[in-house]
Amino acid sequence: WKQNPLQLNDKNYLDFYHELYPNQLDDPLFWVHL
């Protein structure tokens, strides 16, 4: 969330999601960068 959205790809966002919620097995559908 502290990085430039233009420099992030889908894998970056998915990796961060599972870093936040290590017990979540399913990937999120999509995301919104604020």
Full PDB file with SEQRES, HELIX, SHEET, SSBOND, CRYST1, ORIGX, SCALE, CONECT and MASTER records, all heavy atoms in Angstrom:
SEQRES   1 A   34  TRP LYS GLN ASN PRO LEU GLN LEU ASN ASP LYS ASN TYR          
SEQRES   2 A   34  LEU ASP PHE TYR HIS GLU LEU TYR PRO ASN GLN LEU ASP          
SEQRES   3 A   34  ASP PRO LEU PHE TRP VAL HIS LEU                              
HELIX    1 AA1 PRO A    5  GLN A    7  5                                   3    
HELIX    2 AA2 ASP A   10  LEU A   20  1                                  11    
CRYST1    1.000    1.000    1.000  90.00  90.00  90.00 P 1           1          
ORIGX1      1.000000  0.000000  0.000000        0.00000                         
ORIGX2      0.000000  1.000000  0.000000        0.00000                         
ORIGX3      0.000000  0.000000  1.000000        0.00000                         
SCALE1      1.000000  0.000000  0.000000        0.00000                         
SCALE2      0.000000  1.000000  0.000000        0.00000                         
SCALE3      0.000000  0.000000  1.000000        0.00000                         
ATOM      1  N   TRP A   1       0.812  -1.220   0.000  1.00  0.00           N  
ATOM      2  CA  TRP A   1       0.000   0.000   0.000  1.00  0.00           C  
ATOM      3  C   TRP A   1       0.846   1.271   0.000  1.00  0.00           C  
ATOM      4  O   TRP A   1       0.346   2.346  -0.322  1.00  0.00           O  
ATOM      5  CB  TRP A   1      -0.996  -0.018   1.157  1.00  0.00           C  
ATOM      6  CG  TRP A   1      -0.488   0.436   2.491  1.00  0.00           C  
ATOM      7  CD1 TRP A   1      -0.335   1.726   2.910  1.00  0.00           C  
ATOM      8  CD2 TRP A   1      -0.104  -0.381   3.611  1.00  0.00           C  
ATOM      9  NE1 TRP A   1       0.115   1.759   4.210  1.00  0.00           N  
ATOM     10  CE2 TRP A   1       0.263   0.477   4.672  1.00  0.00           C  
ATOM     11  CE3 TRP A   1      -0.049  -1.746   3.832  1.00  0.00           C  
ATOM     12  CZ2 TRP A   1       0.689   0.010   5.906  1.00  0.00           C  
ATOM     13  CZ3 TRP A   1       0.364  -2.207   5.066  1.00  0.00           C  
ATOM     14  CH2 TRP A   1       0.735  -1.343   6.075  1.00  0.00           C  
ATOM     15  N   LYS A   2       2.123   1.159   0.348  1.00  0.00           N  
ATOM     16  CA  LYS A   2       3.000   2.325   0.346  1.00  0.00           C  
ATOM     17  C   LYS A   2       3.715   2.518  -0.992  1.00  0.00           C  
ATOM     18  O   LYS A   2       4.452   3.491  -1.178  1.00  0.00           O  
ATOM     19  CB  LYS A   2       4.052   2.204   1.456  1.00  0.00           C  
ATOM     20  CG  LYS A   2       3.485   2.095   2.859  1.00  0.00           C  
ATOM     21  CD  LYS A   2       2.724   3.339   3.273  1.00  0.00           C  
ATOM     22  CE  LYS A   2       3.629   4.529   3.493  1.00  0.00           C  
ATOM     23  NZ  LYS A   2       2.898   5.708   4.000  1.00  0.00           N  
ATOM     24  N   GLN A   3       3.518   1.595  -1.911  1.00  0.00           N  
ATOM     25  CA  GLN A   3       4.225   1.650  -3.180  1.00  0.00           C  
ATOM     26  C   GLN A   3       3.362   2.261  -4.279  1.00  0.00           C  
ATOM     27  O   GLN A   3       2.136   2.378  -4.150  1.00  0.00           O  
ATOM     28  CB  GLN A   3       4.669   0.240  -3.585  1.00  0.00           C  
ATOM     29  CG  GLN A   3       5.614  -0.427  -2.589  1.00  0.00           C  
ATOM     30  CD  GLN A   3       6.026  -1.815  -3.023  1.00  0.00           C  
ATOM     31  OE1 GLN A   3       6.362  -2.041  -4.176  1.00  0.00           O  
ATOM     32  NE2 GLN A   3       5.992  -2.769  -2.087  1.00  0.00           N  
ATOM     33  N   ASN A   4       4.009   2.633  -5.353  1.00  0.00           N  
ATOM     34  CA  ASN A   4       3.321   3.209  -6.511  1.00  0.00           C  
ATOM     35  C   ASN A   4       2.531   2.109  -7.221  1.00  0.00           C  
ATOM     36  O   ASN A   4       3.105   1.097  -7.633  1.00  0.00           O  
ATOM     37  CB  ASN A   4       4.356   3.810  -7.470  1.00  0.00           C  
ATOM     38  CG  ASN A   4       3.708   4.538  -8.632  1.00  0.00           C  
ATOM     39  OD1 ASN A   4       2.555   4.298  -8.978  1.00  0.00           O  
ATOM     40  ND2 ASN A   4       4.465   5.437  -9.238  1.00  0.00           N  
ATOM     41  N   PRO A   5       1.215   2.279  -7.373  1.00  0.00           N  
ATOM     42  CA  PRO A   5       0.398   1.239  -8.019  1.00  0.00           C  
ATOM     43  C   PRO A   5       0.894   0.879  -9.425  1.00  0.00           C  
ATOM     44  O   PRO A   5       0.729  -0.263  -9.858  1.00  0.00           O  
ATOM     45  CB  PRO A   5      -0.997   1.872  -8.084  1.00  0.00           C  
ATOM     46  CG  PRO A   5      -1.000   2.911  -7.008  1.00  0.00           C  
ATOM     47  CD  PRO A   5       0.401   3.416  -6.909  1.00  0.00           C  
ATOM     48  N   LEU A   6       1.494   1.833 -10.112  1.00  0.00           N  
ATOM     49  CA  LEU A   6       1.979   1.584 -11.466  1.00  0.00           C  
ATOM     50  C   LEU A   6       3.147   0.607 -11.491  1.00  0.00           C  
ATOM     51  O   LEU A   6       3.464   0.028 -12.534  1.00  0.00           O  
ATOM     52  CB  LEU A   6       2.393   2.907 -12.134  1.00  0.00           C  
ATOM     53  CG  LEU A   6       1.273   3.939 -12.320  1.00  0.00           C  
ATOM     54  CD1 LEU A   6       1.835   5.223 -12.910  1.00  0.00           C  
ATOM     55  CD2 LEU A   6       0.151   3.378 -13.204  1.00  0.00           C  
ATOM     56  N   GLN A   7       3.797   0.436 -10.337  1.00  0.00           N  
ATOM     57  CA  GLN A   7       4.954  -0.448 -10.253  1.00  0.00           C  
ATOM     58  C   GLN A   7       4.612  -1.814  -9.665  1.00  0.00           C  
ATOM     59  O   GLN A   7       5.491  -2.637  -9.427  1.00  0.00           O  
ATOM     60  CB  GLN A   7       6.053   0.222  -9.426  1.00  0.00           C  
ATOM     61  CG  GLN A   7       6.580   1.506 -10.046  1.00  0.00           C  
ATOM     62  CD  GLN A   7       7.592   2.212  -9.167  1.00  0.00           C  
ATOM     63  OE1 GLN A   7       7.733   1.903  -7.992  1.00  0.00           O  
ATOM     64  NE2 GLN A   7       8.301   3.171  -9.746  1.00  0.00           N  
ATOM     65  N   LEU A   8       3.326  -2.046  -9.435  1.00  0.00           N  
ATOM     66  CA  LEU A   8       2.888  -3.317  -8.859  1.00  0.00           C  
ATOM     67  C   LEU A   8       2.128  -4.132  -9.896  1.00  0.00           C  
ATOM     68  O   LEU A   8       1.346  -3.574 -10.682  1.00  0.00           O  
ATOM     69  CB  LEU A   8       1.995  -3.072  -7.637  1.00  0.00           C  
ATOM     70  CG  LEU A   8       2.640  -2.363  -6.444  1.00  0.00           C  
ATOM     71  CD1 LEU A   8       1.590  -2.030  -5.404  1.00  0.00           C  
ATOM     72  CD2 LEU A   8       3.729  -3.213  -5.834  1.00  0.00           C  
ATOM     73  N   ASN A   9       2.324  -5.439  -9.886  1.00  0.00           N  
ATOM     74  CA  ASN A   9       1.550  -6.311 -10.759  1.00  0.00           C  
ATOM     75  C   ASN A   9       0.605  -7.173  -9.920  1.00  0.00           C  
ATOM     76  O   ASN A   9       0.585  -7.081  -8.686  1.00  0.00           O  
ATOM     77  CB  ASN A   9       2.478  -7.187 -11.618  1.00  0.00           C  
ATOM     78  CG  ASN A   9       3.455  -8.011 -10.772  1.00  0.00           C  
ATOM     79  OD1 ASN A   9       3.097  -8.462  -9.677  1.00  0.00           O  
ATOM     80  ND2 ASN A   9       4.664  -8.210 -11.264  1.00  0.00           N  
ATOM     81  N   ASP A  10      -0.167  -8.017 -10.586  1.00  0.00           N  
ATOM     82  CA  ASP A  10      -1.155  -8.838  -9.879  1.00  0.00           C  
ATOM     83  C   ASP A  10      -0.498  -9.722  -8.824  1.00  0.00           C  
ATOM     84  O   ASP A  10      -1.034  -9.891  -7.720  1.00  0.00           O  
ATOM     85  CB  ASP A  10      -1.911  -9.713 -10.874  1.00  0.00           C  
ATOM     86  CG  ASP A  10      -2.877  -8.907 -11.732  1.00  0.00           C  
ATOM     87  OD1 ASP A  10      -3.017  -7.696 -11.476  1.00  0.00           O  
ATOM     88  OD2 ASP A  10      -3.480  -9.489 -12.654  1.00  0.00           O  
ATOM     89  N   LYS A  11       0.653 -10.283  -9.161  1.00  0.00           N  
ATOM     90  CA  LYS A  11       1.346 -11.159  -8.208  1.00  0.00           C  
ATOM     91  C   LYS A  11       1.734 -10.399  -6.948  1.00  0.00           C  
ATOM     92  O   LYS A  11       1.626 -10.926  -5.827  1.00  0.00           O  
ATOM     93  CB  LYS A  11       2.581 -11.778  -8.851  1.00  0.00           C  
ATOM     94  CG  LYS A  11       3.288 -12.801  -7.950  1.00  0.00           C  
ATOM     95  CD  LYS A  11       4.481 -13.431  -8.627  1.00  0.00           C  
ATOM     96  CE  LYS A  11       5.120 -14.519  -7.761  1.00  0.00           C  
ATOM     97  NZ  LYS A  11       5.524 -14.048  -6.435  1.00  0.00           N  
ATOM     98  N   ASN A  12       2.187  -9.146  -7.100  1.00  0.00           N  
ATOM     99  CA  ASN A  12       2.540  -8.327  -5.934  1.00  0.00           C  
ATOM    100  C   ASN A  12       1.350  -8.161  -5.007  1.00  0.00           C  
ATOM    101  O   ASN A  12       1.470  -8.300  -3.781  1.00  0.00           O  
ATOM    102  CB  ASN A  12       3.035  -6.956  -6.371  1.00  0.00           C  
ATOM    103  CG  ASN A  12       4.307  -7.017  -7.202  1.00  0.00           C  
ATOM    104  OD1 ASN A  12       4.469  -6.268  -8.155  1.00  0.00           O  
ATOM    105  ND2 ASN A  12       5.230  -7.910  -6.851  1.00  0.00           N  
ATOM    106  N   TYR A  13       0.200  -7.866  -5.582  1.00  0.00           N  
ATOM    107  CA  TYR A  13      -1.001  -7.669  -4.775  1.00  0.00           C  
ATOM    108  C   TYR A  13      -1.452  -8.971  -4.117  1.00  0.00           C  
ATOM    109  O   TYR A  13      -1.860  -8.982  -2.943  1.00  0.00           O  
ATOM    110  CB  TYR A  13      -2.133  -7.096  -5.627  1.00  0.00           C  
ATOM    111  CG  TYR A  13      -1.989  -5.622  -5.937  1.00  0.00           C  
ATOM    112  CD1 TYR A  13      -1.680  -5.190  -7.218  1.00  0.00           C  
ATOM    113  CD2 TYR A  13      -2.168  -4.669  -4.937  1.00  0.00           C  
ATOM    114  CE1 TYR A  13      -1.550  -3.835  -7.508  1.00  0.00           C  
ATOM    115  CE2 TYR A  13      -2.042  -3.319  -5.209  1.00  0.00           C  
ATOM    116  CZ  TYR A  13      -1.734  -2.902  -6.493  1.00  0.00           C  
ATOM    117  OH  TYR A  13      -1.600  -1.563  -6.759  1.00  0.00           O  
ATOM    118  N   LEU A  14      -1.389 -10.070  -4.849  1.00  0.00           N  
ATOM    119  CA  LEU A  14      -1.799 -11.356  -4.287  1.00  0.00           C  
ATOM    120  C   LEU A  14      -0.852 -11.813  -3.186  1.00  0.00           C  
ATOM    121  O   LEU A  14      -1.291 -12.334  -2.154  1.00  0.00           O  
ATOM    122  CB  LEU A  14      -1.881 -12.409  -5.389  1.00  0.00           C  
ATOM    123  CG  LEU A  14      -2.997 -12.211  -6.419  1.00  0.00           C  
ATOM    124  CD1 LEU A  14      -2.867 -13.222  -7.552  1.00  0.00           C  
ATOM    125  CD2 LEU A  14      -4.362 -12.317  -5.763  1.00  0.00           C  
ATOM    126  N   ASP A  15       0.430 -11.604  -3.399  1.00  0.00           N  
ATOM    127  CA  ASP A  15       1.411 -11.959  -2.365  1.00  0.00           C  
ATOM    128  C   ASP A  15       1.167 -11.157  -1.095  1.00  0.00           C  
ATOM    129  O   ASP A  15       1.256 -11.688   0.028  1.00  0.00           O  
ATOM    130  CB  ASP A  15       2.836 -11.712  -2.864  1.00  0.00           C  
ATOM    131  CG  ASP A  15       3.282 -12.742  -3.894  1.00  0.00           C  
ATOM    132  OD1 ASP A  15       2.599 -13.773  -4.032  1.00  0.00           O  
ATOM    133  OD2 ASP A  15       4.306 -12.500  -4.574  1.00  0.00           O  
ATOM    134  N   PHE A  16       0.871  -9.885  -1.263  1.00  0.00           N  
ATOM    135  CA  PHE A  16       0.616  -9.038  -0.092  1.00  0.00           C  
ATOM    136  C   PHE A  16      -0.663  -9.469   0.629  1.00  0.00           C  
ATOM    137  O   PHE A  16      -0.730  -9.473   1.864  1.00  0.00           O  
ATOM    138  CB  PHE A  16       0.515  -7.576  -0.518  1.00  0.00           C  
ATOM    139  CG  PHE A  16       0.236  -6.640   0.629  1.00  0.00           C  
ATOM    140  CD1 PHE A  16       1.127  -6.534   1.690  1.00  0.00           C  
ATOM    141  CD2 PHE A  16      -0.915  -5.868   0.663  1.00  0.00           C  
ATOM    142  CE1 PHE A  16       0.875  -5.681   2.755  1.00  0.00           C  
ATOM    143  CE2 PHE A  16      -1.179  -5.019   1.719  1.00  0.00           C  
ATOM    144  CZ  PHE A  16      -0.284  -4.923   2.770  1.00  0.00           C  
ATOM    145  N   TYR A  17      -1.676  -9.872  -0.139  1.00  0.00           N  
ATOM    146  CA  TYR A  17      -2.928 -10.354   0.457  1.00  0.00           C  
ATOM    147  C   TYR A  17      -2.664 -11.550   1.362  1.00  0.00           C  
ATOM    148  O   TYR A  17      -3.164 -11.617   2.496  1.00  0.00           O  
ATOM    149  CB  TYR A  17      -3.906 -10.732  -0.654  1.00  0.00           C  
ATOM    150  CG  TYR A  17      -5.219 -11.307  -0.168  1.00  0.00           C  
ATOM    151  CD1 TYR A  17      -6.220 -10.479   0.338  1.00  0.00           C  
ATOM    152  CD2 TYR A  17      -5.472 -12.675  -0.227  1.00  0.00           C  
ATOM    153  CE1 TYR A  17      -7.431 -11.001   0.771  1.00  0.00           C  
ATOM    154  CE2 TYR A  17      -6.674 -13.201   0.205  1.00  0.00           C  
ATOM    155  CZ  TYR A  17      -7.646 -12.358   0.702  1.00  0.00           C  
ATOM    156  OH  TYR A  17      -8.845 -12.877   1.138  1.00  0.00           O  
ATOM    157  N   HIS A  18      -1.851 -12.474   0.879  1.00  0.00           N  
ATOM    158  CA  HIS A  18      -1.578 -13.683   1.676  1.00  0.00           C  
ATOM    159  C   HIS A  18      -0.578 -13.399   2.799  1.00  0.00           C  
ATOM    160  O   HIS A  18      -0.515 -14.156   3.777  1.00  0.00           O  
ATOM    161  CB  HIS A  18      -1.092 -14.804   0.764  1.00  0.00           C  
ATOM    162  CG  HIS A  18      -2.173 -15.335  -0.138  1.00  0.00           C  
ATOM    163  ND1 HIS A  18      -3.264 -16.027   0.339  1.00  0.00           N  
ATOM    164  CD2 HIS A  18      -2.348 -15.238  -1.483  1.00  0.00           C  
ATOM    165  CE1 HIS A  18      -4.055 -16.357  -0.666  1.00  0.00           C  
ATOM    166  NE2 HIS A  18      -3.530 -15.889  -1.782  1.00  0.00           N  
ATOM    167  N   GLU A  19       0.167 -12.327   2.671  1.00  0.00           N  
ATOM    168  CA  GLU A  19       1.004 -11.883   3.788  1.00  0.00           C  
ATOM    169  C   GLU A  19       0.118 -11.311   4.895  1.00  0.00           C  
ATOM    170  O   GLU A  19       0.359 -11.541   6.088  1.00  0.00           O  
ATOM    171  CB  GLU A  19       1.998 -10.824   3.310  1.00  0.00           C  
ATOM    172  CG  GLU A  19       2.986 -10.369   4.394  1.00  0.00           C  
ATOM    173  CD  GLU A  19       3.980  -9.339   3.891  1.00  0.00           C  
ATOM    174  OE1 GLU A  19       3.929  -8.978   2.697  1.00  0.00           O  
ATOM    175  OE2 GLU A  19       4.790  -8.875   4.705  1.00  0.00           O  
ATOM    176  N   LEU A  20      -0.915 -10.583   4.503  1.00  0.00           N  
ATOM    177  CA  LEU A  20      -1.866 -10.034   5.479  1.00  0.00           C  
ATOM    178  C   LEU A  20      -2.681 -11.140   6.138  1.00  0.00           C  
ATOM    179  O   LEU A  20      -2.909 -11.123   7.354  1.00  0.00           O  
ATOM    180  CB  LEU A  20      -2.828  -9.065   4.785  1.00  0.00           C  
ATOM    181  CG  LEU A  20      -2.376  -7.646   4.523  1.00  0.00           C  
ATOM    182  CD1 LEU A  20      -3.421  -6.920   3.678  1.00  0.00           C  
ATOM    183  CD2 LEU A  20      -2.142  -6.889   5.816  1.00  0.00           C  
ATOM    184  N   TYR A  21      -3.124 -12.100   5.331  1.00  0.00           N  
ATOM    185  CA  TYR A  21      -4.029 -13.149   5.810  1.00  0.00           C  
ATOM    186  C   TYR A  21      -3.441 -14.523   5.434  1.00  0.00           C  
ATOM    187  O   TYR A  21      -3.888 -15.153   4.473  1.00  0.00           O  
ATOM    188  CB  TYR A  21      -5.415 -12.983   5.196  1.00  0.00           C  
ATOM    189  CG  TYR A  21      -5.978 -11.602   5.373  1.00  0.00           C  
ATOM    190  CD1 TYR A  21      -6.078 -10.719   4.291  1.00  0.00           C  
ATOM    191  CD2 TYR A  21      -6.392 -11.144   6.624  1.00  0.00           C  
ATOM    192  CE1 TYR A  21      -6.589  -9.445   4.448  1.00  0.00           C  
ATOM    193  CE2 TYR A  21      -6.902  -9.870   6.785  1.00  0.00           C  
ATOM    194  CZ  TYR A  21      -6.993  -9.027   5.701  1.00  0.00           C  
ATOM    195  OH  TYR A  21      -7.499  -7.757   5.861  1.00  0.00           O  
ATOM    196  N   PRO A  22      -2.455 -14.975   6.173  1.00  0.00           N  
ATOM    197  CA  PRO A  22      -1.769 -16.230   5.815  1.00  0.00           C  
ATOM    198  C   PRO A  22      -2.672 -17.456   5.859  1.00  0.00           C  
ATOM    199  O   PRO A  22      -2.343 -18.479   5.248  1.00  0.00           O  
ATOM    200  CB  PRO A  22      -0.645 -16.329   6.861  1.00  0.00           C  
ATOM    201  CG  PRO A  22      -1.036 -15.412   7.973  1.00  0.00           C  
ATOM    202  CD  PRO A  22      -1.849 -14.327   7.357  1.00  0.00           C  
ATOM    203  N   ASN A  23      -3.806 -17.362   6.550  1.00  0.00           N  
ATOM    204  CA  ASN A  23      -4.709 -18.522   6.633  1.00  0.00           C  
ATOM    205  C   ASN A  23      -5.756 -18.546   5.524  1.00  0.00           C  
ATOM    206  O   ASN A  23      -6.563 -19.476   5.454  1.00  0.00           O  
ATOM    207  CB  ASN A  23      -5.413 -18.542   7.993  1.00  0.00           C  
ATOM    208  CG  ASN A  23      -4.435 -18.743   9.139  1.00  0.00           C  
ATOM    209  OD1 ASN A  23      -3.479 -19.495   9.005  1.00  0.00           O  
ATOM    210  ND2 ASN A  23      -4.656 -18.071  10.259  1.00  0.00           N  
ATOM    211  N   GLN A  24      -5.762 -17.525   4.683  1.00  0.00           N  
ATOM    212  CA  GLN A  24      -6.709 -17.474   3.571  1.00  0.00           C  
ATOM    213  C   GLN A  24      -6.180 -18.288   2.395  1.00  0.00           C  
ATOM    214  O   GLN A  24      -5.117 -17.994   1.848  1.00  0.00           O  
ATOM    215  CB  GLN A  24      -6.925 -16.022   3.135  1.00  0.00           C  
ATOM    216  CG  GLN A  24      -7.881 -15.246   4.019  1.00  0.00           C  
ATOM    217  CD  GLN A  24      -9.320 -15.723   3.849  1.00  0.00           C  
ATOM    218  OE1 GLN A  24      -9.739 -16.154   2.789  1.00  0.00           O  
ATOM    219  NE2 GLN A  24     -10.084 -15.634   4.931  1.00  0.00           N  
ATOM    220  N   LEU A  25      -6.915 -19.306   1.999  1.00  0.00           N  
ATOM    221  CA  LEU A  25      -6.478 -20.162   0.896  1.00  0.00           C  
ATOM    222  C   LEU A  25      -6.893 -19.597  -0.460  1.00  0.00           C  
ATOM    223  O   LEU A  25      -6.158 -19.712  -1.445  1.00  0.00           O  
ATOM    224  CB  LEU A  25      -7.053 -21.571   1.070  1.00  0.00           C  
ATOM    225  CG  LEU A  25      -6.641 -22.297   2.365  1.00  0.00           C  
ATOM    226  CD1 LEU A  25      -7.303 -23.669   2.446  1.00  0.00           C  
ATOM    227  CD2 LEU A  25      -5.126 -22.444   2.437  1.00  0.00           C  
ATOM    228  N   ASP A  26      -8.080 -18.992  -0.526  1.00  0.00           N  
ATOM    229  CA  ASP A  26      -8.574 -18.447  -1.791  1.00  0.00           C  
ATOM    230  C   ASP A  26      -7.952 -17.090  -2.084  1.00  0.00           C  
ATOM    231  O   ASP A  26      -7.729 -16.277  -1.183  1.00  0.00           O  
ATOM    232  CB  ASP A  26     -10.095 -18.287  -1.747  1.00  0.00           C  
ATOM    233  CG  ASP A  26     -10.803 -19.629  -1.686  1.00  0.00           C  
ATOM    234  OD1 ASP A  26     -10.233 -20.617  -2.187  1.00  0.00           O  
ATOM    235  OD2 ASP A  26     -11.921 -19.689  -1.139  1.00  0.00           O  
ATOM    236  N   ASP A  27      -7.716 -16.848  -3.357  1.00  0.00           N  
ATOM    237  CA  ASP A  27      -7.274 -15.519  -3.785  1.00  0.00           C  
ATOM    238  C   ASP A  27      -8.476 -14.573  -3.808  1.00  0.00           C  
ATOM    239  O   ASP A  27      -9.618 -15.006  -4.013  1.00  0.00           O  
ATOM    240  CB  ASP A  27      -6.671 -15.571  -5.197  1.00  0.00           C  
ATOM    241  CG  ASP A  27      -5.305 -16.233  -5.220  1.00  0.00           C  
ATOM    242  OD1 ASP A  27      -4.685 -16.329  -4.137  1.00  0.00           O  
ATOM    243  OD2 ASP A  27      -4.865 -16.656  -6.299  1.00  0.00           O  
ATOM    244  N   PRO A  28      -8.238 -13.281  -3.607  1.00  0.00           N  
ATOM    245  CA  PRO A  28      -9.331 -12.321  -3.756  1.00  0.00           C  
ATOM    246  C   PRO A  28      -9.717 -12.195  -5.231  1.00  0.00           C  
ATOM    247  O   PRO A  28      -8.951 -12.561  -6.122  1.00  0.00           O  
ATOM    248  CB  PRO A  28      -8.718 -11.017  -3.232  1.00  0.00           C  
ATOM    249  CG  PRO A  28      -7.254 -11.176  -3.488  1.00  0.00           C  
ATOM    250  CD  PRO A  28      -6.961 -12.639  -3.290  1.00  0.00           C  
ATOM    251  N   LEU A  29     -10.907 -11.666  -5.481  1.00  0.00           N  
ATOM    252  CA  LEU A  29     -11.377 -11.501  -6.856  1.00  0.00           C  
ATOM    253  C   LEU A  29     -10.666 -10.343  -7.550  1.00  0.00           C  
ATOM    254  O   LEU A  29     -10.295 -10.426  -8.705  1.00  0.00           O  
ATOM    255  CB  LEU A  29     -12.886 -11.268  -6.854  1.00  0.00           C  
ATOM    256  CG  LEU A  29     -13.722 -12.444  -6.344  1.00  0.00           C  
ATOM    257  CD1 LEU A  29     -15.153 -11.996  -6.074  1.00  0.00           C  
ATOM    258  CD2 LEU A  29     -13.704 -13.577  -7.341  1.00  0.00           C  
ATOM    259  N   PHE A  30     -10.534  -9.229  -6.823  1.00  0.00           N  
ATOM    260  CA  PHE A  30      -9.828  -8.053  -7.340  1.00  0.00           C  
ATOM    261  C   PHE A  30      -9.586  -7.130  -6.168  1.00  0.00           C  
ATOM    262  O   PHE A  30      -9.917  -7.447  -5.018  1.00  0.00           O  
ATOM    263  CB  PHE A  30     -10.618  -7.356  -8.456  1.00  0.00           C  
ATOM    264  CG  PHE A  30     -12.016  -6.951  -8.063  1.00  0.00           C  
ATOM    265  CD1 PHE A  30     -12.273  -5.702  -7.515  1.00  0.00           C  
ATOM    266  CD2 PHE A  30     -13.076  -7.828  -8.238  1.00  0.00           C  
ATOM    267  CE1 PHE A  30     -13.549  -5.337  -7.147  1.00  0.00           C  
ATOM    268  CE2 PHE A  30     -14.369  -7.463  -7.867  1.00  0.00           C  
ATOM    269  CZ  PHE A  30     -14.602  -6.211  -7.319  1.00  0.00           C  
ATOM    270  N   TRP A  31      -9.005  -5.970  -6.420  1.00  0.00           N  
ATOM    271  CA  TRP A  31      -8.623  -5.079  -5.333  1.00  0.00           C  
ATOM    272  C   TRP A  31      -8.688  -3.626  -5.788  1.00  0.00           C  
ATOM    273  O   TRP A  31      -8.727  -3.319  -6.981  1.00  0.00           O  
ATOM    274  CB  TRP A  31      -7.214  -5.415  -4.831  1.00  0.00           C  
ATOM    275  CG  TRP A  31      -6.253  -5.633  -5.955  1.00  0.00           C  
ATOM    276  CD1 TRP A  31      -5.510  -4.698  -6.621  1.00  0.00           C  
ATOM    277  CD2 TRP A  31      -5.977  -6.897  -6.581  1.00  0.00           C  
ATOM    278  NE1 TRP A  31      -4.775  -5.293  -7.614  1.00  0.00           N  
ATOM    279  CE2 TRP A  31      -5.044  -6.641  -7.615  1.00  0.00           C  
ATOM    280  CE3 TRP A  31      -6.409  -8.206  -6.358  1.00  0.00           C  
ATOM    281  CZ2 TRP A  31      -4.546  -7.651  -8.430  1.00  0.00           C  
ATOM    282  CZ3 TRP A  31      -5.920  -9.206  -7.167  1.00  0.00           C  
ATOM    283  CH2 TRP A  31      -4.999  -8.937  -8.182  1.00  0.00           C  
ATOM    284  N   VAL A  32      -8.697  -2.726  -4.796  1.00  0.00           N  
ATOM    285  CA  VAL A  32      -8.708  -1.288  -5.049  1.00  0.00           C  
ATOM    286  C   VAL A  32      -7.532  -0.681  -4.295  1.00  0.00           C  
ATOM    287  O   VAL A  32      -7.420  -0.857  -3.073  1.00  0.00           O  
ATOM    288  CB  VAL A  32     -10.019  -0.640  -4.558  1.00  0.00           C  
ATOM    289  CG1 VAL A  32     -10.027   0.857  -4.870  1.00  0.00           C  
ATOM    290  CG2 VAL A  32     -11.227  -1.328  -5.174  1.00  0.00           C  
ATOM    291  N   HIS A  33      -6.663   0.010  -5.017  1.00  0.00           N  
ATOM    292  CA  HIS A  33      -5.516   0.671  -4.384  1.00  0.00           C  
ATOM    293  C   HIS A  33      -5.908   2.114  -4.076  1.00  0.00           C  
ATOM    294  O   HIS A  33      -6.267   2.882  -4.963  1.00  0.00           O  
ATOM    295  CB  HIS A  33      -4.303   0.641  -5.318  1.00  0.00           C  
ATOM    296  CG  HIS A  33      -3.010   0.915  -4.606  1.00  0.00           C  
ATOM    297  ND1 HIS A  33      -1.913   0.078  -4.701  1.00  0.00           N  
ATOM    298  CD2 HIS A  33      -2.634   1.913  -3.765  1.00  0.00           C  
ATOM    299  CE1 HIS A  33      -0.914   0.565  -3.967  1.00  0.00           C  
ATOM    300  NE2 HIS A  33      -1.336   1.674  -3.398  1.00  0.00           N  
ATOM    301  N   LEU A  34      -5.841   2.486  -2.795  1.00  0.00           N  
ATOM    302  CA  LEU A  34      -6.215   3.824  -2.351  1.00  0.00           C  
ATOM    303  C   LEU A  34      -4.963   4.681  -2.216  1.00  0.00           C  
ATOM    304  O   LEU A  34      -3.962   4.245  -1.655  1.00  0.00           O  
ATOM    305  CB  LEU A  34      -6.931   3.760  -0.994  1.00  0.00           C  
ATOM    306  CG  LEU A  34      -8.113   2.783  -0.887  1.00  0.00           C  
ATOM    307  CD1 LEU A  34      -8.575   2.678   0.558  1.00  0.00           C  
ATOM    308  CD2 LEU A  34      -9.262   3.219  -1.779  1.00  0.00           C  
TER     309      LEU A  34                                                      
MASTER        0    0    0    2    0    0    0    6  308    1    0    3          
END                                                                             
